[in-house]
Amino acid sequence: MARPRVPLLSRERIRDAALVLVDRDGLAEVSMRKLAAELGVRAASLYGHYPNKDELFDDIAAGIMAAVDTSAFDTAAWDLALAAWARSYRTALSTHPNFVPYLATGPGHRAENLRAADAVHGGLVGAGWPPRYATMIGAATRYLVMGSTVGSFAGGFADDIQVYRDRYPHLNQAHRLAAVADEIDTDSFELALTAFIAGLHATYAQVVTAN
């Protein structure tokens, strides 16, 4: 029998199938055996491409993080660059929210995370921030982005008015949130980001401008 021109498996195809499983079933439910079944192959076939699940997930993480844009730190003021990075970061992560918990583990061991951290830290220090503050700002922004992408706050409310009307009178409009979840979640992130950067301006005046 002639050999097929296109291999049955490739690293790209395995990554894509793994992300489908993560998006559908959640991170904890993905195994190499389940992934092999999804691809219609034996689990042993996967190990020629990825020796273990962590290497597969690290490759997926690199692909997601490669979409995060830090280029504004080369051209824009630190506050505008920080906002642009945070928005790009959130956009990249929000495409696969079930994968975010894995991205939150061991970021300092991945090249794409280190590339972004280097650009952010360099941009902030270049703008006058002391290195310690630059580190904290990068970490705090990461907390803000991660928290906003792990799950939908607005989408987590039931759409039954009776759930809230009698027992939680201050939440008497909560049943409406699910219908506008994307808008509420995005606007809430923007509110938090704007307030965060406004607070940083006050800190900048104290620790940088005043010295």
Protein backbone atom coordinates (compact mmCIF):
# COMPACT_ATOMS: atom_id res chain seq x y z
CA MET A 1 0.00 0.00 0.00
CA ALA A 2 1.36 3.43 -0.95
CA ARG A 3 2.34 5.68 1.91
CA PRO A 4 -0.08 8.61 2.44
CA ARG A 5 1.32 11.95 1.31
CA VAL A 6 0.06 13.70 4.43
CA PRO A 7 1.01 12.05 7.74
CA LEU A 8 -1.90 10.97 9.87
CA LEU A 9 -0.54 12.92 12.80
CA SER A 10 1.41 16.14 13.21
CA ARG A 11 2.25 18.27 16.21
CA GLU A 12 -0.11 20.95 14.93
CA ARG A 13 -3.00 18.53 14.55
CA ILE A 14 -2.38 17.11 18.03
CA ARG A 15 -2.29 20.60 19.56
CA ASP A 16 -5.50 21.62 17.81
CA ALA A 17 -7.30 18.47 18.96
CA ALA A 18 -6.05 18.93 22.51
CA LEU A 19 -7.38 22.49 22.62
CA VAL A 20 -10.76 21.28 21.36
CA LEU A 21 -10.86 18.84 24.27
CA VAL A 22 -9.77 21.48 26.77
CA ASP A 23 -12.38 23.93 25.50
CA ARG A 24 -15.10 21.29 25.57
CA ASP A 25 -14.33 19.20 28.64
CA GLY A 26 -11.93 21.24 30.78
CA LEU A 27 -8.25 20.91 31.50
CA ALA A 28 -8.51 18.13 34.09
CA GLU A 29 -10.41 15.85 31.72
CA VAL A 30 -7.73 15.76 29.02
CA SER A 31 -5.47 12.72 28.88
CA MET A 32 -3.22 11.35 26.16
CA ARG A 33 -5.51 8.34 25.89
CA LYS A 34 -8.61 10.50 25.46
CA LEU A 35 -6.79 12.72 22.97
CA ALA A 36 -5.74 9.66 20.95
CA ALA A 37 -9.36 8.49 20.83
CA GLU A 38 -10.41 11.94 19.59
CA LEU A 39 -7.84 11.66 16.79
CA GLY A 40 -8.73 8.06 15.98
CA VAL A 41 -5.27 6.68 16.81
CA ARG A 42 -3.61 4.70 19.57
CA ALA A 43 -2.12 6.64 22.48
CA ALA A 44 1.33 5.29 21.60
CA SER A 45 1.15 7.19 18.31
CA LEU A 46 1.14 10.50 20.15
CA TYR A 47 4.36 9.88 22.02
CA GLY A 48 6.48 10.13 18.88
CA HIS A 49 5.40 13.78 18.72
CA TYR A 50 5.00 14.60 22.42
CA PRO A 51 6.63 12.38 25.05
CA ASN A 52 4.16 13.51 27.72
CA LYS A 53 1.13 15.71 28.31
CA ASP A 54 3.14 18.51 29.94
CA GLU A 55 5.29 18.96 26.85
CA LEU A 56 2.14 19.09 24.73
CA PHE A 57 0.56 21.65 27.05
CA ASP A 58 3.75 23.72 27.12
CA ASP A 59 3.69 23.84 23.32
CA ILE A 60 0.05 24.97 23.40
CA ALA A 61 0.93 27.60 26.01
CA ALA A 62 3.73 28.91 23.80
CA GLY A 63 1.33 29.29 20.89
CA ILE A 64 -1.18 31.23 22.96
CA MET A 65 1.45 33.48 24.51
CA ALA A 66 3.02 34.18 21.10
CA ALA A 67 -0.12 36.15 20.28
CA VAL A 68 0.46 38.56 23.18
CA ASP A 69 1.73 41.89 21.82
CA THR A 70 4.28 43.85 23.86
CA SER A 71 5.51 46.03 21.00
CA ALA A 72 3.92 49.21 22.41
CA PHE A 73 6.66 49.33 25.04
CA ASP A 74 9.06 50.22 22.21
CA THR A 75 7.13 53.28 21.06
CA ALA A 76 4.47 54.44 23.54
CA ALA A 77 4.41 55.98 26.99
CA TRP A 78 4.51 53.39 29.78
CA ASP A 79 0.82 53.76 30.71
CA LEU A 80 -0.42 53.38 27.13
CA ALA A 81 1.95 50.46 26.56
CA LEU A 82 0.78 48.76 29.75
CA ALA A 83 -2.86 49.10 28.70
CA ALA A 84 -2.14 47.78 25.20
CA TRP A 85 -0.23 44.79 26.60
CA ALA A 86 -2.99 43.99 29.11
CA ARG A 87 -5.68 44.08 26.43
CA SER A 88 -3.64 41.93 24.05
CA TYR A 89 -2.89 39.50 26.88
CA ARG A 90 -6.57 39.22 27.80
CA THR A 91 -7.59 38.70 24.17
CA ALA A 92 -5.09 35.87 23.76
CA LEU A 93 -6.14 34.11 26.96
CA SER A 94 -9.88 34.58 26.56
CA THR A 95 -9.90 32.46 23.40
CA HIS A 96 -9.31 29.37 25.58
CA PRO A 97 -10.42 30.18 29.16
CA ASN A 98 -10.26 26.54 30.27
CA PHE A 99 -6.54 26.55 29.51
CA VAL A 100 -5.79 29.60 31.66
CA PRO A 101 -5.09 27.59 34.86
CA TYR A 102 -2.24 25.84 33.05
CA LEU A 103 -0.87 29.16 31.81
CA ALA A 104 -0.84 30.32 35.43
CA THR A 105 1.61 27.58 36.42
CA GLY A 106 5.35 27.94 35.98
CA PRO A 107 5.33 30.93 33.58
CA GLY A 108 8.96 31.74 34.29
CA HIS A 109 10.07 28.49 32.65
CA ARG A 110 8.55 29.22 29.22
CA ALA A 111 10.33 31.20 26.53
CA GLU A 112 7.27 33.13 25.33
CA ASN A 113 6.40 34.23 28.87
CA LEU A 114 9.99 35.31 29.46
CA ARG A 115 10.01 37.25 26.18
CA ALA A 116 6.91 39.17 27.26
CA ALA A 117 8.18 39.71 30.80
CA ASP A 118 11.48 41.03 29.46
CA ALA A 119 9.74 43.51 27.17
CA VAL A 120 7.39 44.72 29.90
CA HIS A 121 10.09 45.00 32.55
CA GLY A 122 12.47 46.75 30.16
CA GLY A 123 9.81 49.18 29.04
CA LEU A 124 8.80 50.11 32.58
CA VAL A 125 12.37 50.48 33.85
CA GLY A 126 13.19 52.53 30.76
CA ALA A 127 10.30 54.84 31.68
CA GLY A 128 11.84 55.46 35.09
CA TRP A 129 10.15 52.85 37.26
CA PRO A 130 12.50 51.23 39.80
CA PRO A 131 13.07 47.53 38.97
CA ARG A 132 11.14 46.35 42.04
CA TYR A 133 8.09 48.38 41.02
CA ALA A 134 8.40 47.21 37.43
CA THR A 135 8.30 43.62 38.67
CA MET A 136 5.24 44.29 40.82
CA ILE A 137 3.43 46.12 38.03
CA GLY A 138 4.03 43.21 35.66
CA ALA A 139 2.79 40.74 38.27
CA ALA A 140 -0.26 42.83 39.18
CA THR A 141 -1.24 43.21 35.53
CA ARG A 142 -0.93 39.47 35.10
CA TYR A 143 -3.22 38.91 38.12
CA LEU A 144 -5.76 41.28 36.61
CA VAL A 145 -5.70 39.59 33.21
CA MET A 146 -5.73 36.04 34.56
CA GLY A 147 -8.64 36.79 36.87
CA SER A 148 -10.66 38.30 34.06
CA THR A 149 -10.24 35.26 31.80
CA VAL A 150 -10.66 32.28 34.12
CA GLY A 151 -14.43 32.54 33.85
CA SER A 152 -17.31 34.88 33.16
CA PHE A 153 -18.60 36.75 36.20
CA ALA A 154 -21.73 37.99 34.48
CA GLY A 155 -22.40 34.68 32.77
CA GLY A 156 -22.43 32.89 36.11
CA PHE A 157 -25.84 34.19 37.17
CA ALA A 158 -29.06 32.27 36.59
CA ASP A 159 -31.62 33.89 34.31
CA ASP A 160 -34.51 33.04 36.65
CA ILE A 161 -35.68 36.19 38.44
CA GLN A 162 -37.13 34.15 41.32
CA VAL A 163 -33.65 32.96 42.30
CA TYR A 164 -32.80 36.48 43.47
CA ARG A 165 -36.04 38.38 44.01
CA ASP A 166 -36.97 37.05 47.44
CA ARG A 167 -33.66 36.14 49.07
CA TYR A 168 -31.21 38.61 47.52
CA PRO A 169 -33.10 41.88 47.02
CA HIS A 170 -29.98 43.87 46.07
CA LEU A 171 -29.44 41.44 43.18
CA ASN A 172 -32.92 41.87 41.75
CA GLN A 173 -31.47 42.58 38.28
CA ALA A 174 -28.90 39.78 38.34
CA HIS A 175 -31.06 37.56 36.16
CA ARG A 176 -30.37 39.97 33.27
CA LEU A 177 -26.59 39.64 33.42
CA ALA A 178 -26.17 36.40 31.49
CA ALA A 179 -27.73 37.96 28.38
CA VAL A 180 -25.06 40.70 28.31
CA ALA A 181 -22.20 38.71 29.84
CA ASP A 182 -19.56 39.58 27.23
CA GLU A 183 -20.31 43.30 27.49
CA ILE A 184 -20.30 43.31 31.30
CA ASP A 185 -17.13 41.24 31.54
CA THR A 186 -15.27 43.41 29.04
CA ASP A 187 -16.43 46.67 30.60
CA SER A 188 -15.53 45.38 34.07
CA PHE A 189 -12.03 44.54 32.89
CA GLU A 190 -11.68 48.00 31.35
CA LEU A 191 -12.87 49.61 34.59
CA ALA A 192 -10.34 47.63 36.63
CA LEU A 193 -7.52 48.35 34.16
CA THR A 194 -8.30 52.07 34.03
CA ALA A 195 -8.46 52.33 37.82
CA PHE A 196 -5.23 50.33 38.15
CA ILE A 197 -3.31 52.59 35.77
CA ALA A 198 -4.76 55.72 37.40
CA GLY A 199 -3.44 54.49 40.72
CA LEU A 200 -0.05 53.80 39.14
CA HIS A 201 0.11 57.42 37.97
CA ALA A 202 -0.12 58.55 41.59
CA THR A 203 2.57 56.06 42.59
CA TYR A 204 4.77 57.18 39.68
CA ALA A 205 4.57 60.77 40.90
CA GLN A 206 5.74 59.64 44.35
CA VAL A 207 8.53 57.20 43.51
CA VAL A 208 9.81 58.50 40.17
CA THR A 209 8.93 62.13 39.48
CA ALA A 210 9.57 63.28 43.06
CA ASN A 211 13.13 61.86 43.05
